[in-house]
Amino acid sequence: MPLRVATALVLLFAFFSAGCSTTLSTLQPAEPMRPGHVQAQAALNVNVPASRIVDAVDVVATLGDRYVSDPSYKPTTEEQRQALAAGVGLGLSAPGVNPDFMLRMGVVKDLDVGLRWSGLAAHADAKYRFLSSREPSAEEEEAARGLGNGPDRGFQGAVSIGISKALYSGFVFDAVDYLEVGDYSRWNVEVPVIFGSRLSDFGHVWFGPKYVFSTYSVDASLQNIGIVPRSSGTIHHLGAFGGIGVGYKVVFVFTELTIAKMLAEPEIFGQKTDLGGIVVVPAGGLMLRL
């Protein structure tokens, strides 16, 4: 099998097995849960960083050809930089289909908190409602006492502040098989602003902008070279999302689409390297608001 075809298959396997680098999807309506009530959901995220996939395939194929023809080949400094850039690029925005589980609970009026596990990242956040277009009557409050959604408050706006940590090390980087990642660390601060409203008893619709700030560091070694210079830096994601959930009162099937611009120029071998690009994250799943 030609090496480039084999390389593409390796990366395709990575796409369907690796975890997303951070939780770019939001997967929740603007409306927080009422005190003591919970939201539980299961979903799938699909992370599609088109530019990173193309870059990684090209680098893996080109340098891989040289290793196959000469197992003792020592890459040039520029090839080492490109190989590390490919590994860092996969870590910053790894392609993958990821399971996603979230549990939220209302704390006080207008505020709920959540815990989330997304593939290979752990996430916690708090969401505060700062806008609602109507105030329910006492009769509406009483009628909806047993439901997690509570009475309809019209058009709503909320802001969430969350923190997440990547839990993986070398697994995501296996596609670049001649680059061994010894240590990978990444923390993210995530701030979506969520707007939306009810679809009566039959669903929720939500949308808004999202900003994610990340810091990372990676230690790696390259075949026939050994340890290469450590890479660390910051990443920014600027994006927008929209979602809809359809069901009845407490159970909803939902879908969401997030599109973000990743801004990342880490120093690799002392040279700034542009690893940014567009990231597309479709998602869907089942939501219970009890």
C-alpha atoms as a PDB file:
ATOM      1  CA  MET A   1       0.000   0.000   0.000  1.00  0.00           C
ATOM      2  CA  PRO A   2       1.504   3.424  -0.900  1.00  0.00           C
ATOM      3  CA  LEU A   3       2.725   5.283   2.180  1.00  0.00           C
ATOM      4  CA  ARG A   4       0.535   8.309   1.551  1.00  0.00           C
ATOM      5  CA  VAL A   5      -2.575   6.130   1.381  1.00  0.00           C
ATOM      6  CA  ALA A   6      -1.515   4.346   4.568  1.00  0.00           C
ATOM      7  CA  THR A   7      -0.907   7.697   6.240  1.00  0.00           C
ATOM      8  CA  ALA A   8      -4.360   8.928   5.265  1.00  0.00           C
ATOM      9  CA  LEU A   9      -5.864   5.759   6.739  1.00  0.00           C
ATOM     10  CA  VAL A  10      -3.944   6.285   9.994  1.00  0.00           C
ATOM     11  CA  LEU A  11      -5.262   9.818  10.264  1.00  0.00           C
ATOM     12  CA  LEU A  12      -8.764   8.627   9.385  1.00  0.00           C
ATOM     13  CA  PHE A  13      -8.498   6.149  12.276  1.00  0.00           C
ATOM     14  CA  ALA A  14      -7.330   8.976  14.517  1.00  0.00           C
ATOM     15  CA  PHE A  15     -10.345  11.022  13.429  1.00  0.00           C
ATOM     16  CA  PHE A  16     -12.762   8.346  14.620  1.00  0.00           C
ATOM     17  CA  SER A  17     -10.921   7.514  17.842  1.00  0.00           C
ATOM     18  CA  ALA A  18      -9.226  10.628  19.191  1.00  0.00           C
ATOM     19  CA  GLY A  19     -10.778  13.067  21.621  1.00  0.00           C
ATOM     20  CA  CYS A  20     -11.495  16.667  20.802  1.00  0.00           C
ATOM     21  CA  SER A  21      -8.923  19.103  22.157  1.00  0.00           C
ATOM     22  CA  THR A  22     -11.419  21.270  23.970  1.00  0.00           C
ATOM     23  CA  THR A  23     -15.167  21.523  24.399  1.00  0.00           C
ATOM     24  CA  LEU A  24     -16.024  24.033  21.672  1.00  0.00           C
ATOM     25  CA  SER A  25     -19.677  22.965  21.659  1.00  0.00           C
ATOM     26  CA  THR A  26     -22.038  24.437  24.284  1.00  0.00           C
ATOM     27  CA  LEU A  27     -24.936  21.951  24.253  1.00  0.00           C
ATOM     28  CA  GLN A  28     -27.351  23.793  26.535  1.00  0.00           C
ATOM     29  CA  PRO A  29     -30.209  26.277  26.228  1.00  0.00           C
ATOM     30  CA  ALA A  30     -30.020  29.763  27.728  1.00  0.00           C
ATOM     31  CA  GLU A  31     -32.532  28.833  30.421  1.00  0.00           C
ATOM     32  CA  PRO A  32     -30.816  27.630  33.637  1.00  0.00           C
ATOM     33  CA  MET A  33     -32.331  24.881  35.732  1.00  0.00           C
ATOM     34  CA  ARG A  34     -34.456  25.859  38.699  1.00  0.00           C
ATOM     35  CA  PRO A  35     -33.005  25.298  42.204  1.00  0.00           C
ATOM     36  CA  GLY A  36     -32.861  21.589  43.000  1.00  0.00           C
ATOM     37  CA  HIS A  37     -33.715  20.462  39.469  1.00  0.00           C
ATOM     38  CA  VAL A  38     -31.291  18.725  37.120  1.00  0.00           C
ATOM     39  CA  GLN A  39     -30.443  18.504  33.447  1.00  0.00           C
ATOM     40  CA  ALA A  40     -28.788  15.302  32.221  1.00  0.00           C
ATOM     41  CA  GLN A  41     -27.715  14.604  28.666  1.00  0.00           C
ATOM     42  CA  ALA A  42     -25.632  12.429  26.389  1.00  0.00           C
ATOM     43  CA  ALA A  43     -24.325  13.597  23.032  1.00  0.00           C
ATOM     44  CA  LEU A  44     -21.744  13.136  20.303  1.00  0.00           C
ATOM     45  CA  ASN A  45     -19.415  15.925  19.116  1.00  0.00           C
ATOM     46  CA  VAL A  46     -17.620  15.755  15.771  1.00  0.00           C
ATOM     47  CA  ASN A  47     -14.514  17.973  15.668  1.00  0.00           C
ATOM     48  CA  VAL A  48     -13.564  18.894  12.080  1.00  0.00           C
ATOM     49  CA  PRO A  49     -10.408  21.073  11.953  1.00  0.00           C
ATOM     50  CA  ALA A  50      -9.958  20.983   8.169  1.00  0.00           C
ATOM     51  CA  SER A  51      -6.646  22.865   7.987  1.00  0.00           C
ATOM     52  CA  ARG A  52      -5.042  20.747  10.739  1.00  0.00           C
ATOM     53  CA  ILE A  53      -5.986  17.476   9.013  1.00  0.00           C
ATOM     54  CA  VAL A  54      -4.471  18.644   5.707  1.00  0.00           C
ATOM     55  CA  ASP A  55      -1.276  19.866   7.377  1.00  0.00           C
ATOM     56  CA  ALA A  56      -0.816  16.665   9.383  1.00  0.00           C
ATOM     57  CA  VAL A  57      -1.383  14.398   6.370  1.00  0.00           C
ATOM     58  CA  ASP A  58       1.168  16.346   4.341  1.00  0.00           C
ATOM     59  CA  VAL A  59       3.847  16.374   7.051  1.00  0.00           C
ATOM     60  CA  VAL A  60       3.374  12.737   8.054  1.00  0.00           C
ATOM     61  CA  ALA A  61       3.505  11.584   4.424  1.00  0.00           C
ATOM     62  CA  THR A  62       6.546  13.651   3.425  1.00  0.00           C
ATOM     63  CA  LEU A  63       8.767  12.874   6.403  1.00  0.00           C
ATOM     64  CA  GLY A  64       7.392   9.331   6.641  1.00  0.00           C
ATOM     65  CA  ASP A  65       8.635   8.660   3.100  1.00  0.00           C
ATOM     66  CA  ARG A  66      12.154   9.536   4.185  1.00  0.00           C
ATOM     67  CA  TYR A  67      12.027   7.318   7.294  1.00  0.00           C
ATOM     68  CA  VAL A  68      10.796   4.361   5.229  1.00  0.00           C
ATOM     69  CA  SER A  69      13.526   4.730   2.625  1.00  0.00           C
ATOM     70  CA  ASP A  70      16.188   5.276   5.312  1.00  0.00           C
ATOM     71  CA  PRO A  71      15.318   4.114   8.877  1.00  0.00           C
ATOM     72  CA  SER A  72      18.364   5.987  10.199  1.00  0.00           C
ATOM     73  CA  TYR A  73      17.369   9.240   8.489  1.00  0.00           C
ATOM     74  CA  LYS A  74      17.889  12.362  10.589  1.00  0.00           C
ATOM     75  CA  PRO A  75      15.466  15.147   9.680  1.00  0.00           C
ATOM     76  CA  THR A  76      16.735  18.637   9.051  1.00  0.00           C
ATOM     77  CA  THR A  77      15.933  21.377  11.556  1.00  0.00           C
ATOM     78  CA  GLU A  78      13.116  22.591   9.322  1.00  0.00           C
ATOM     79  CA  GLU A  79      11.653  19.066   9.048  1.00  0.00           C
ATOM     80  CA  GLN A  80      11.875  18.712  12.834  1.00  0.00           C
ATOM     81  CA  ARG A  81      10.015  21.991  13.206  1.00  0.00           C
ATOM     82  CA  GLN A  82       7.337  20.851  10.752  1.00  0.00           C
ATOM     83  CA  ALA A  83       6.929  17.495  12.519  1.00  0.00           C
ATOM     84  CA  LEU A  84       6.531  19.150  15.914  1.00  0.00           C
ATOM     85  CA  ALA A  85       4.137  21.684  14.383  1.00  0.00           C
ATOM     86  CA  ALA A  86       2.008  18.808  13.067  1.00  0.00           C
ATOM     87  CA  GLY A  87       1.903  17.204  16.515  1.00  0.00           C
ATOM     88  CA  VAL A  88       1.130  20.491  18.244  1.00  0.00           C
ATOM     89  CA  GLY A  89      -1.563  21.221  15.625  1.00  0.00           C
ATOM     90  CA  LEU A  90      -3.279  17.900  16.341  1.00  0.00           C
ATOM     91  CA  GLY A  91      -3.134  18.656  20.069  1.00  0.00           C
ATOM     92  CA  LEU A  92      -4.613  22.122  19.625  1.00  0.00           C
ATOM     93  CA  SER A  93      -7.487  20.904  17.470  1.00  0.00           C
ATOM     94  CA  ALA A  94      -7.545  17.128  17.279  1.00  0.00           C
ATOM     95  CA  PRO A  95     -10.055  15.609  14.860  1.00  0.00           C
ATOM     96  CA  GLY A  96     -12.455  13.159  16.446  1.00  0.00           C
ATOM     97  CA  VAL A  97     -15.925  11.857  17.187  1.00  0.00           C
ATOM     98  CA  ASN A  98     -16.363  12.283  20.914  1.00  0.00           C
ATOM     99  CA  PRO A  99     -18.908  11.098  23.478  1.00  0.00           C
ATOM    100  CA  ASP A 100     -20.159  13.931  25.651  1.00  0.00           C
ATOM    101  CA  PHE A 101     -21.956  13.677  28.987  1.00  0.00           C
ATOM    102  CA  MET A 102     -23.247  16.616  31.014  1.00  0.00           C
ATOM    103  CA  LEU A 103     -25.035  16.957  34.363  1.00  0.00           C
ATOM    104  CA  ARG A 104     -26.384  20.320  35.534  1.00  0.00           C
ATOM    105  CA  MET A 105     -28.191  21.389  38.706  1.00  0.00           C
ATOM    106  CA  GLY A 106     -29.995  24.585  39.644  1.00  0.00           C
ATOM    107  CA  VAL A 107     -28.466  26.315  42.672  1.00  0.00           C
ATOM    108  CA  VAL A 108     -30.482  29.510  43.144  1.00  0.00           C
ATOM    109  CA  LYS A 109     -32.843  31.455  40.900  1.00  0.00           C
ATOM    110  CA  ASP A 110     -31.125  32.301  37.574  1.00  0.00           C
ATOM    111  CA  LEU A 111     -28.014  30.204  38.344  1.00  0.00           C
ATOM    112  CA  ASP A 112     -27.086  26.600  37.643  1.00  0.00           C
ATOM    113  CA  VAL A 113     -23.785  24.709  37.603  1.00  0.00           C
ATOM    114  CA  GLY A 114     -22.597  21.824  35.463  1.00  0.00           C
ATOM    115  CA  LEU A 115     -20.032  19.047  35.153  1.00  0.00           C
ATOM    116  CA  ARG A 116     -19.110  17.641  31.771  1.00  0.00           C
ATOM    117  CA  TRP A 117     -16.866  14.950  30.311  1.00  0.00           C
ATOM    118  CA  SER A 118     -16.108  15.265  26.598  1.00  0.00           C
ATOM    119  CA  GLY A 119     -13.987  12.485  25.190  1.00  0.00           C
ATOM    120  CA  LEU A 120     -10.637  13.267  26.773  1.00  0.00           C
ATOM    121  CA  ALA A 121     -11.433  16.519  28.600  1.00  0.00           C
ATOM    122  CA  ALA A 122     -13.119  17.361  31.918  1.00  0.00           C
ATOM    123  CA  HIS A 123     -15.150  20.551  32.242  1.00  0.00           C
ATOM    124  CA  ALA A 124     -17.005  22.502  34.962  1.00  0.00           C
ATOM    125  CA  ASP A 125     -19.012  25.699  34.598  1.00  0.00           C
ATOM    126  CA  ALA A 126     -21.601  28.026  36.101  1.00  0.00           C
ATOM    127  CA  LYS A 127     -24.358  29.700  34.055  1.00  0.00           C
ATOM    128  CA  TYR A 128     -26.150  32.898  35.087  1.00  0.00           C
ATOM    129  CA  ARG A 129     -29.310  34.242  33.432  1.00  0.00           C
ATOM    130  CA  PHE A 130     -29.085  38.017  33.001  1.00  0.00           C
ATOM    131  CA  LEU A 131     -32.061  38.532  30.677  1.00  0.00           C
ATOM    132  CA  SER A 132     -35.673  37.375  30.431  1.00  0.00           C
ATOM    133  CA  SER A 133     -38.467  39.099  28.534  1.00  0.00           C
ATOM    134  CA  ARG A 134     -41.307  38.141  30.853  1.00  0.00           C
ATOM    135  CA  GLU A 135     -41.950  37.382  34.519  1.00  0.00           C
ATOM    136  CA  PRO A 136     -44.334  34.434  35.146  1.00  0.00           C
ATOM    137  CA  SER A 137     -47.386  34.860  37.338  1.00  0.00           C
ATOM    138  CA  ALA A 138     -47.801  33.051  40.651  1.00  0.00           C
ATOM    139  CA  GLU A 139     -50.317  30.723  38.982  1.00  0.00           C
ATOM    140  CA  GLU A 140     -47.795  29.792  36.268  1.00  0.00           C
ATOM    141  CA  GLU A 141     -45.120  29.155  38.895  1.00  0.00           C
ATOM    142  CA  GLU A 142     -47.460  26.828  40.779  1.00  0.00           C
ATOM    143  CA  ALA A 143     -48.554  24.964  37.630  1.00  0.00           C
ATOM    144  CA  ALA A 144     -44.937  24.252  36.668  1.00  0.00           C
ATOM    145  CA  ARG A 145     -43.742  23.392  40.179  1.00  0.00           C
ATOM    146  CA  GLY A 146     -42.871  19.773  39.367  1.00  0.00           C
ATOM    147  CA  LEU A 147     -41.100  20.434  36.073  1.00  0.00           C
ATOM    148  CA  GLY A 148     -37.414  21.200  35.663  1.00  0.00           C
ATOM    149  CA  ASN A 149     -38.065  23.797  32.979  1.00  0.00           C
ATOM    150  CA  GLY A 150     -40.316  25.878  35.170  1.00  0.00           C
ATOM    151  CA  PRO A 151     -42.674  28.474  33.659  1.00  0.00           C
ATOM    152  CA  ASP A 152     -41.780  30.124  30.355  1.00  0.00           C
ATOM    153  CA  ARG A 153     -39.777  33.348  30.815  1.00  0.00           C
ATOM    154  CA  GLY A 154     -39.803  34.314  27.129  1.00  0.00           C
ATOM    155  CA  PHE A 155     -36.631  35.355  25.348  1.00  0.00           C
ATOM    156  CA  GLN A 156     -33.656  34.751  27.630  1.00  0.00           C
ATOM    157  CA  GLY A 157     -29.953  35.488  27.814  1.00  0.00           C
ATOM    158  CA  ALA A 158     -27.301  33.840  29.976  1.00  0.00           C
ATOM    159  CA  VAL A 159     -23.537  33.832  30.323  1.00  0.00           C
ATOM    160  CA  SER A 160     -21.496  30.790  31.290  1.00  0.00           C
ATOM    161  CA  ILE A 161     -17.949  30.720  32.628  1.00  0.00           C
ATOM    162  CA  GLY A 162     -16.223  27.337  32.559  1.00  0.00           C
ATOM    163  CA  ILE A 163     -12.820  25.755  32.946  1.00  0.00           C
ATOM    164  CA  SER A 164     -11.646  22.512  31.363  1.00  0.00           C
ATOM    165  CA  LYS A 165      -8.510  20.389  31.293  1.00  0.00           C
ATOM    166  CA  ALA A 166      -7.249  18.013  28.613  1.00  0.00           C
ATOM    167  CA  LEU A 167      -6.824  14.520  30.073  1.00  0.00           C
ATOM    168  CA  TYR A 168      -4.866  12.903  27.253  1.00  0.00           C
ATOM    169  CA  SER A 169      -1.138  12.638  26.602  1.00  0.00           C
ATOM    170  CA  GLY A 170       0.268  10.689  23.646  1.00  0.00           C
ATOM    171  CA  PHE A 171      -2.917   9.025  22.384  1.00  0.00           C
ATOM    172  CA  VAL A 172      -4.055  11.872  20.148  1.00  0.00           C
ATOM    173  CA  PHE A 173      -0.591  12.140  18.604  1.00  0.00           C
ATOM    174  CA  ASP A 174      -0.270   8.503  17.502  1.00  0.00           C
ATOM    175  CA  ALA A 175      -1.040   9.560  13.918  1.00  0.00           C
ATOM    176  CA  VAL A 176       2.477  11.076  13.815  1.00  0.00           C
ATOM    177  CA  ASP A 177       4.106   7.761  14.705  1.00  0.00           C
ATOM    178  CA  TYR A 178       7.715   8.963  14.608  1.00  0.00           C
ATOM    179  CA  LEU A 179       6.973  11.814  17.063  1.00  0.00           C
ATOM    180  CA  GLU A 180       6.692  10.622  20.662  1.00  0.00           C
ATOM    181  CA  VAL A 181       4.907  13.019  22.996  1.00  0.00           C
ATOM    182  CA  GLY A 182       6.179  12.685  26.547  1.00  0.00           C
ATOM    183  CA  ASP A 183       4.012  15.268  28.258  1.00  0.00           C
ATOM    184  CA  TYR A 184       1.067  17.355  27.102  1.00  0.00           C
ATOM    185  CA  SER A 185      -0.766  19.865  29.278  1.00  0.00           C
ATOM    186  CA  ARG A 186      -3.686  22.078  28.350  1.00  0.00           C
ATOM    187  CA  TRP A 187      -6.147  24.245  30.297  1.00  0.00           C
ATOM    188  CA  ASN A 188      -9.087  26.155  28.811  1.00  0.00           C
ATOM    189  CA  VAL A 189     -11.332  28.986  30.003  1.00  0.00           C
ATOM    190  CA  GLU A 190     -14.633  28.998  28.103  1.00  0.00           C
ATOM    191  CA  VAL A 191     -17.153  31.851  27.941  1.00  0.00           C
ATOM    192  CA  PRO A 192     -20.297  31.360  25.836  1.00  0.00           C
ATOM    193  CA  VAL A 193     -23.087  33.952  25.857  1.00  0.00           C
ATOM    194  CA  ILE A 194     -26.327  32.076  25.217  1.00  0.00           C
ATOM    195  CA  PHE A 195     -29.592  33.551  23.927  1.00  0.00           C
ATOM    196  CA  GLY A 196     -32.776  31.658  23.196  1.00  0.00           C
ATOM    197  CA  SER A 197     -36.362  30.834  24.003  1.00  0.00           C
ATOM    198  CA  ARG A 198     -38.862  28.031  24.438  1.00  0.00           C
ATOM    199  CA  LEU A 199     -40.824  26.370  21.676  1.00  0.00           C
ATOM    200  CA  SER A 200     -43.813  26.148  24.014  1.00  0.00           C
ATOM    201  CA  ASP A 201     -43.697  22.687  25.668  1.00  0.00           C
ATOM    202  CA  PHE A 202     -42.081  21.190  22.590  1.00  0.00           C
ATOM    203  CA  GLY A 203     -38.490  22.356  22.724  1.00  0.00           C
ATOM    204  CA  HIS A 204     -35.787  24.986  23.061  1.00  0.00           C
ATOM    205  CA  VAL A 205     -33.797  27.028  20.589  1.00  0.00           C
ATOM    206  CA  TRP A 206     -30.491  28.722  21.451  1.00  0.00           C
ATOM    207  CA  PHE A 207     -27.612  30.599  19.825  1.00  0.00           C
ATOM    208  CA  GLY A 208     -24.785  32.985  20.610  1.00  0.00           C
ATOM    209  CA  PRO A 209     -21.054  33.772  20.504  1.00  0.00           C
ATOM    210  CA  LYS A 210     -18.328  31.866  22.349  1.00  0.00           C
ATOM    211  CA  TYR A 211     -14.754  32.648  23.354  1.00  0.00           C
ATOM    212  CA  VAL A 212     -12.222  30.084  24.550  1.00  0.00           C
ATOM    213  CA  PHE A 213      -8.768  30.934  25.908  1.00  0.00           C
ATOM    214  CA  SER A 214      -6.265  28.089  26.265  1.00  0.00           C
ATOM    215  CA  THR A 215      -2.718  27.560  27.471  1.00  0.00           C
ATOM    216  CA  TYR A 216      -0.699  24.489  26.520  1.00  0.00           C
ATOM    217  CA  SER A 217       2.761  22.941  26.721  1.00  0.00           C
ATOM    218  CA  VAL A 218       4.203  19.859  25.028  1.00  0.00           C
ATOM    219  CA  ASP A 219       7.434  17.860  25.394  1.00  0.00           C
ATOM    220  CA  ALA A 220       8.303  15.482  22.568  1.00  0.00           C
ATOM    221  CA  SER A 221      11.085  13.461  20.982  1.00  0.00           C
ATOM    222  CA  LEU A 222      11.636  12.659  17.300  1.00  0.00           C
ATOM    223  CA  GLN A 223      12.891   9.404  15.820  1.00  0.00           C
ATOM    224  CA  ASN A 224      16.717   9.418  15.410  1.00  0.00           C
ATOM    225  CA  ILE A 225      16.875  12.916  16.944  1.00  0.00           C
ATOM    226  CA  GLY A 226      15.729  12.573  20.543  1.00  0.00           C
ATOM    227  CA  ILE A 227      14.156  15.339  22.609  1.00  0.00           C
ATOM    228  CA  VAL A 228      13.187  18.410  20.590  1.00  0.00           C
ATOM    229  CA  PRO A 229      12.661  21.916  22.011  1.00  0.00           C
ATOM    230  CA  ARG A 230       9.632  22.278  24.270  1.00  0.00           C
ATOM    231  CA  SER A 231       6.663  24.117  22.759  1.00  0.00           C
ATOM    232  CA  SER A 232       4.176  26.148  24.783  1.00  0.00           C
ATOM    233  CA  GLY A 233       1.813  28.997  24.148  1.00  0.00           C
ATOM    234  CA  THR A 234      -1.742  30.292  24.147  1.00  0.00           C
ATOM    235  CA  ILE A 235      -4.681  29.676  21.829  1.00  0.00           C
ATOM    236  CA  HIS A 236      -7.841  31.696  21.208  1.00  0.00           C
ATOM    237  CA  HIS A 237     -11.087  30.415  19.713  1.00  0.00           C
ATOM    238  CA  LEU A 238     -13.667  32.947  18.516  1.00  0.00           C
ATOM    239  CA  GLY A 239     -16.878  31.302  17.450  1.00  0.00           C
ATOM    240  CA  ALA A 240     -20.630  31.184  17.198  1.00  0.00           C
ATOM    241  CA  PHE A 241     -23.132  28.399  17.804  1.00  0.00           C
ATOM    242  CA  GLY A 242     -26.778  27.591  17.315  1.00  0.00           C
ATOM    243  CA  GLY A 243     -28.885  24.702  18.543  1.00  0.00           C
ATOM    244  CA  ILE A 244     -32.404  23.348  18.740  1.00  0.00           C
ATOM    245  CA  GLY A 245     -34.007  20.707  20.945  1.00  0.00           C
ATOM    246  CA  VAL A 246     -37.348  19.111  20.067  1.00  0.00           C
ATOM    247  CA  GLY A 247     -39.439  16.925  22.355  1.00  0.00           C
ATOM    248  CA  TYR A 248     -42.059  17.364  25.042  1.00  0.00           C
ATOM    249  CA  LYS A 249     -41.749  19.119  28.434  1.00  0.00           C
ATOM    250  CA  VAL A 250     -38.769  17.227  29.916  1.00  0.00           C
ATOM    251  CA  VAL A 251     -37.161  15.102  27.181  1.00  0.00           C
ATOM    252  CA  PHE A 252     -35.650  16.523  23.996  1.00  0.00           C
ATOM    253  CA  VAL A 253     -33.574  15.356  21.055  1.00  0.00           C
ATOM    254  CA  PHE A 254     -31.204  18.167  20.126  1.00  0.00           C
ATOM    255  CA  THR A 255     -28.632  19.218  17.554  1.00  0.00           C
ATOM    256  CA  GLU A 256     -26.100  22.042  17.590  1.00  0.00           C
ATOM    257  CA  LEU A 257     -23.524  23.500  15.206  1.00  0.00           C
ATOM    258  CA  THR A 258     -20.466  25.492  16.292  1.00  0.00           C
ATOM    259  CA  ILE A 259     -18.084  27.263  13.899  1.00  0.00           C
ATOM    260  CA  ALA A 260     -14.954  28.860  15.352  1.00  0.00           C
ATOM    261  CA  LYS A 261     -11.775  30.546  14.211  1.00  0.00           C
ATOM    262  CA  MET A 262      -8.705  29.208  16.029  1.00  0.00           C
ATOM    263  CA  LEU A 263      -5.920  31.757  16.521  1.00  0.00           C
ATOM    264  CA  ALA A 264      -2.608  30.122  17.448  1.00  0.00           C
ATOM    265  CA  GLU A 265       0.973  31.179  16.673  1.00  0.00           C
ATOM    266  CA  PRO A 266       3.201  29.166  19.013  1.00  0.00           C
ATOM    267  CA  GLU A 267       6.982  29.395  18.893  1.00  0.00           C
ATOM    268  CA  ILE A 268       8.342  26.128  17.508  1.00  0.00           C
ATOM    269  CA  PHE A 269      12.123  25.875  17.269  1.00  0.00           C
ATOM    270  CA  GLY A 270      12.254  29.597  17.996  1.00  0.00           C
ATOM    271  CA  GLN A 271      10.028  30.459  15.042  1.00  0.00           C
ATOM    272  CA  LYS A 272       6.416  31.640  15.209  1.00  0.00           C
ATOM    273  CA  THR A 273       4.227  29.116  13.407  1.00  0.00           C
ATOM    274  CA  ASP A 274       0.648  29.817  12.359  1.00  0.00           C
ATOM    275  CA  LEU A 275      -1.464  26.829  13.383  1.00  0.00           C
ATOM    276  CA  GLY A 276      -4.799  28.617  13.268  1.00  0.00           C
ATOM    277  CA  GLY A 277      -7.768  27.779  11.108  1.00  0.00           C
ATOM    278  CA  ILE A 278     -11.501  27.192  11.002  1.00  0.00           C
ATOM    279  CA  VAL A 279     -12.948  24.489  13.274  1.00  0.00           C
ATOM    280  CA  VAL A 280     -16.438  23.082  12.674  1.00  0.00           C
ATOM    281  CA  VAL A 281     -18.184  21.104  15.427  1.00  0.00           C
ATOM    282  CA  PRO A 282     -21.596  19.540  14.719  1.00  0.00           C
ATOM    283  CA  ALA A 283     -23.158  17.768  17.702  1.00  0.00           C
ATOM    284  CA  GLY A 284     -26.354  16.009  18.685  1.00  0.00           C
ATOM    285  CA  GLY A 285     -27.869  14.004  21.493  1.00  0.00           C
ATOM    286  CA  LEU A 286     -30.602  13.490  24.081  1.00  0.00           C
ATOM    287  CA  MET A 287     -31.432  15.955  26.883  1.00  0.00           C
ATOM    288  CA  LEU A 288     -33.523  15.456  30.031  1.00  0.00           C
ATOM    289  CA  ARG A 289     -34.637  18.466  32.115  1.00  0.00           C
ATOM    290  CA  LEU A 290     -36.184  17.053  35.274  1.00  0.00           C
END
